[in-house]
């Protein structure tokens, strides 16, 4: 059960990142035409704010997965003692 949850969570996260990164990396040339152009890069330097958000999300996901693993392990141990 935990393995399926982990695999589907990773697959969903990977798909979301792949789709979001390509969608955000382009801007529409003409709103009605459907044509897009690459977004211009910003010369401000490395986006540390975006990195901090990504790290925070990764840590939150890891904590959630560890919590699920702990609860599953605890339930199995309790079920085995009855």
N, C-alpha and C. Protein backbone atom coordinates (compact mmCIF):
# COMPACT_ATOMS: atom_id res chain seq x y z
N UNK A 1 0.82 -1.19 0.00
CA UNK A 1 0.00 0.00 0.00
C UNK A 1 0.87 1.26 0.00
N UNK A 2 1.84 1.31 0.89
CA UNK A 2 2.72 2.47 0.97
C UNK A 2 3.54 2.61 -0.30
N UNK A 3 3.96 1.49 -0.86
CA UNK A 3 4.75 1.53 -2.08
C UNK A 3 3.94 2.13 -3.22
N UNK A 4 2.68 1.73 -3.35
CA UNK A 4 1.82 2.28 -4.40
C UNK A 4 1.59 3.77 -4.19
N UNK A 5 1.37 4.17 -2.94
CA UNK A 5 1.17 5.58 -2.63
C UNK A 5 2.41 6.39 -2.98
N UNK A 6 3.57 5.87 -2.63
CA UNK A 6 4.82 6.57 -2.91
C UNK A 6 5.05 6.70 -4.41
N UNK A 7 4.83 5.62 -5.14
CA UNK A 7 5.06 5.65 -6.58
C UNK A 7 4.08 6.60 -7.26
N UNK A 8 2.80 6.54 -6.87
CA UNK A 8 1.85 7.44 -7.52
C UNK A 8 2.09 8.89 -7.14
N UNK A 9 2.53 9.15 -5.91
CA UNK A 9 2.83 10.52 -5.50
C UNK A 9 4.01 11.06 -6.29
N UNK A 10 5.06 10.24 -6.44
CA UNK A 10 6.23 10.68 -7.21
C UNK A 10 5.87 10.88 -8.68
N UNK A 11 5.05 10.00 -9.24
CA UNK A 11 4.65 10.16 -10.64
C UNK A 11 3.84 11.44 -10.83
N UNK A 12 2.91 11.70 -9.92
CA UNK A 12 2.10 12.91 -10.01
C UNK A 12 2.96 14.17 -9.85
N UNK A 13 3.88 14.15 -8.90
CA UNK A 13 4.75 15.31 -8.68
C UNK A 13 5.64 15.56 -9.90
N UNK A 14 6.17 14.48 -10.48
CA UNK A 14 7.02 14.62 -11.66
C UNK A 14 6.24 15.19 -12.84
N UNK A 15 5.03 14.67 -13.05
CA UNK A 15 4.20 15.17 -14.14
C UNK A 15 3.83 16.64 -13.92
N UNK A 16 3.50 17.00 -12.69
CA UNK A 16 3.13 18.38 -12.39
C UNK A 16 4.29 19.33 -12.64
N UNK A 17 5.48 18.93 -12.22
CA UNK A 17 6.66 19.79 -12.43
C UNK A 17 6.97 19.91 -13.91
N UNK A 18 6.89 18.80 -14.64
CA UNK A 18 7.19 18.84 -16.07
C UNK A 18 6.20 19.73 -16.81
N UNK A 19 4.91 19.61 -16.50
CA UNK A 19 3.91 20.42 -17.19
C UNK A 19 4.00 21.89 -16.77
N UNK A 20 4.21 22.14 -15.50
CA UNK A 20 4.28 23.52 -15.03
C UNK A 20 5.51 24.24 -15.57
N UNK A 21 6.64 23.55 -15.62
CA UNK A 21 7.86 24.22 -16.06
C UNK A 21 7.79 24.58 -17.54
N UNK A 22 7.17 23.72 -18.37
CA UNK A 22 7.07 24.07 -19.79
C UNK A 22 6.02 25.14 -20.01
N UNK A 23 4.95 25.13 -19.23
CA UNK A 23 3.91 26.14 -19.40
C UNK A 23 4.39 27.51 -18.93
N UNK A 24 5.14 27.55 -17.87
CA UNK A 24 5.60 28.83 -17.34
C UNK A 24 6.80 29.38 -18.10
N UNK A 25 7.44 28.55 -18.91
CA UNK A 25 8.63 28.99 -19.62
C UNK A 25 8.29 29.61 -20.97
N UNK A 26 7.02 29.82 -21.26
CA UNK A 26 6.64 30.41 -22.54
C UNK A 26 5.57 31.47 -22.32
N UNK A 27 5.56 32.41 -23.24
CA UNK A 27 4.55 33.46 -23.18
C UNK A 27 3.81 33.49 -24.52
N UNK A 28 2.53 33.81 -24.51
CA UNK A 28 1.79 33.85 -25.78
C UNK A 28 2.21 35.05 -26.62
N UNK A 29 2.43 34.80 -27.91
CA UNK A 29 2.76 35.91 -28.82
C UNK A 29 1.51 36.71 -29.15
N UNK A 30 0.44 36.00 -29.44
CA UNK A 30 -0.84 36.62 -29.76
C UNK A 30 -1.89 35.83 -29.01
N UNK A 31 -2.68 36.43 -28.14
CA UNK A 31 -3.61 35.67 -27.29
C UNK A 31 -4.52 34.70 -28.04
N UNK A 32 -4.92 35.02 -29.26
CA UNK A 32 -5.84 34.14 -29.98
C UNK A 32 -5.16 33.13 -30.89
N UNK A 33 -3.88 33.30 -31.18
CA UNK A 33 -3.23 32.47 -32.19
C UNK A 33 -2.75 31.12 -31.65
N UNK A 34 -2.47 31.02 -30.37
CA UNK A 34 -1.95 29.78 -29.82
C UNK A 34 -0.44 29.64 -29.96
N UNK A 35 0.19 30.61 -30.61
CA UNK A 35 1.65 30.56 -30.76
C UNK A 35 2.30 31.12 -29.49
N UNK A 36 3.42 30.51 -29.12
CA UNK A 36 4.12 30.96 -27.92
C UNK A 36 5.59 31.19 -28.23
N UNK A 37 6.23 31.98 -27.43
CA UNK A 37 7.67 32.25 -27.54
C UNK A 37 8.30 31.97 -26.18
N UNK A 38 9.58 31.61 -26.17
CA UNK A 38 10.25 31.40 -24.88
C UNK A 38 10.23 32.67 -24.04
N UNK A 39 10.04 32.50 -22.76
CA UNK A 39 10.04 33.65 -21.86
C UNK A 39 11.45 34.20 -21.74
N UNK A 40 11.59 35.51 -21.73
CA UNK A 40 12.93 36.07 -21.58
C UNK A 40 13.49 35.79 -20.19
N UNK A 41 14.77 35.52 -20.14
CA UNK A 41 15.38 35.25 -18.84
C UNK A 41 15.62 36.57 -18.11
N UNK A 42 15.60 36.50 -16.81
CA UNK A 42 15.83 37.71 -16.01
C UNK A 42 17.31 37.80 -15.65
N UNK A 43 17.89 38.94 -15.82
CA UNK A 43 19.32 39.10 -15.50
C UNK A 43 19.58 39.36 -14.02
N UNK A 44 18.57 39.16 -13.17
CA UNK A 44 18.71 39.49 -11.75
C UNK A 44 19.55 38.48 -10.98
N UNK A 45 19.89 37.37 -11.57
CA UNK A 45 20.66 36.36 -10.86
C UNK A 45 19.82 35.13 -10.57
N UNK A 46 20.35 34.31 -9.70
CA UNK A 46 19.70 33.05 -9.38
C UNK A 46 18.46 33.28 -8.52
N UNK A 47 17.32 32.64 -8.85
CA UNK A 47 16.08 32.88 -8.11
C UNK A 47 16.04 32.09 -6.79
N UNK A 48 16.68 32.61 -5.76
CA UNK A 48 16.75 31.90 -4.48
C UNK A 48 15.39 31.75 -3.83
N UNK A 49 14.49 32.65 -4.09
CA UNK A 49 13.14 32.54 -3.54
C UNK A 49 12.42 31.31 -4.07
N UNK A 50 12.57 31.05 -5.38
CA UNK A 50 11.97 29.87 -5.98
C UNK A 50 12.59 28.59 -5.42
N UNK A 51 13.89 28.63 -5.20
CA UNK A 51 14.57 27.47 -4.63
C UNK A 51 14.06 27.20 -3.21
N UNK A 52 13.88 28.25 -2.44
CA UNK A 52 13.39 28.09 -1.07
C UNK A 52 11.99 27.49 -1.06
N UNK A 53 11.14 27.91 -1.98
CA UNK A 53 9.79 27.35 -2.06
C UNK A 53 9.86 25.88 -2.45
N UNK A 54 10.70 25.55 -3.41
CA UNK A 54 10.85 24.15 -3.82
C UNK A 54 11.37 23.27 -2.71
N UNK A 55 12.33 23.76 -1.97
CA UNK A 55 12.88 22.99 -0.85
C UNK A 55 11.83 22.81 0.24
N UNK A 56 11.07 23.86 0.52
CA UNK A 56 10.02 23.76 1.54
C UNK A 56 8.96 22.74 1.13
N UNK A 57 8.59 22.74 -0.14
CA UNK A 57 7.61 21.75 -0.61
C UNK A 57 8.17 20.33 -0.54
N UNK A 58 9.44 20.17 -0.90
CA UNK A 58 10.05 18.84 -0.83
C UNK A 58 10.13 18.34 0.60
N UNK A 59 10.47 19.21 1.52
CA UNK A 59 10.53 18.82 2.93
C UNK A 59 9.14 18.47 3.45
N UNK A 60 8.14 19.25 3.07
CA UNK A 60 6.77 18.97 3.51
C UNK A 60 6.30 17.62 2.96
N UNK A 61 6.62 17.32 1.71
CA UNK A 61 6.26 16.03 1.12
C UNK A 61 6.97 14.89 1.86
N UNK A 62 8.24 15.07 2.16
CA UNK A 62 8.99 14.04 2.87
C UNK A 62 8.40 13.80 4.27
N UNK A 63 8.03 14.86 4.96
CA UNK A 63 7.44 14.72 6.29
C UNK A 63 6.11 13.98 6.20
N UNK A 64 5.31 14.31 5.19
CA UNK A 64 4.03 13.61 5.01
C UNK A 64 4.24 12.13 4.73
N UNK A 65 5.19 11.81 3.87
CA UNK A 65 5.45 10.40 3.56
C UNK A 65 5.99 9.65 4.78
N UNK A 66 6.83 10.30 5.55
CA UNK A 66 7.33 9.66 6.78
C UNK A 66 6.19 9.45 7.78
N UNK A 67 5.28 10.40 7.86
CA UNK A 67 4.12 10.25 8.74
C UNK A 67 3.24 9.09 8.33
N UNK A 68 3.01 8.94 7.03
CA UNK A 68 2.22 7.82 6.52
C UNK A 68 2.92 6.51 6.83
N UNK A 69 4.23 6.47 6.63
CA UNK A 69 4.99 5.25 6.91
C UNK A 69 4.92 4.90 8.40
N UNK A 70 5.02 5.90 9.26
CA UNK A 70 4.97 5.65 10.71
C UNK A 70 3.60 5.12 11.13
N UNK A 71 2.54 5.75 10.61
CA UNK A 71 1.19 5.31 10.96
C UNK A 71 0.94 3.89 10.47
N UNK A 72 1.38 3.59 9.25
CA UNK A 72 1.21 2.24 8.71
C UNK A 72 1.96 1.22 9.55
N UNK A 73 3.18 1.56 9.93
CA UNK A 73 3.98 0.64 10.74
C UNK A 73 3.34 0.42 12.11
N UNK A 74 2.82 1.49 12.71
CA UNK A 74 2.19 1.39 14.02
C UNK A 74 0.92 0.54 13.94
N UNK A 75 0.13 0.71 12.90
CA UNK A 75 -1.10 -0.07 12.76
C UNK A 75 -0.79 -1.55 12.57
N UNK A 76 0.24 -1.85 11.80
CA UNK A 76 0.61 -3.26 11.60
C UNK A 76 1.07 -3.89 12.90
N UNK A 77 1.83 -3.13 13.68
CA UNK A 77 2.32 -3.67 14.95
C UNK A 77 1.17 -3.92 15.91
N UNK A 78 0.20 -2.98 15.95
CA UNK A 78 -0.96 -3.15 16.83
C UNK A 78 -1.85 -4.29 16.37
N UNK A 79 -2.03 -4.45 15.07
CA UNK A 79 -2.86 -5.52 14.53
C UNK A 79 -2.24 -6.88 14.82
N UNK A 80 -0.92 -6.95 14.81
CA UNK A 80 -0.23 -8.22 15.07
C UNK A 80 -0.27 -8.63 16.52
N UNK A 81 -0.47 -7.68 17.43
CA UNK A 81 -0.47 -8.01 18.86
C UNK A 81 -1.83 -8.49 19.35
N UNK A 82 -2.88 -8.35 18.53
CA UNK A 82 -4.21 -8.79 18.96
C UNK A 82 -4.50 -10.20 18.52
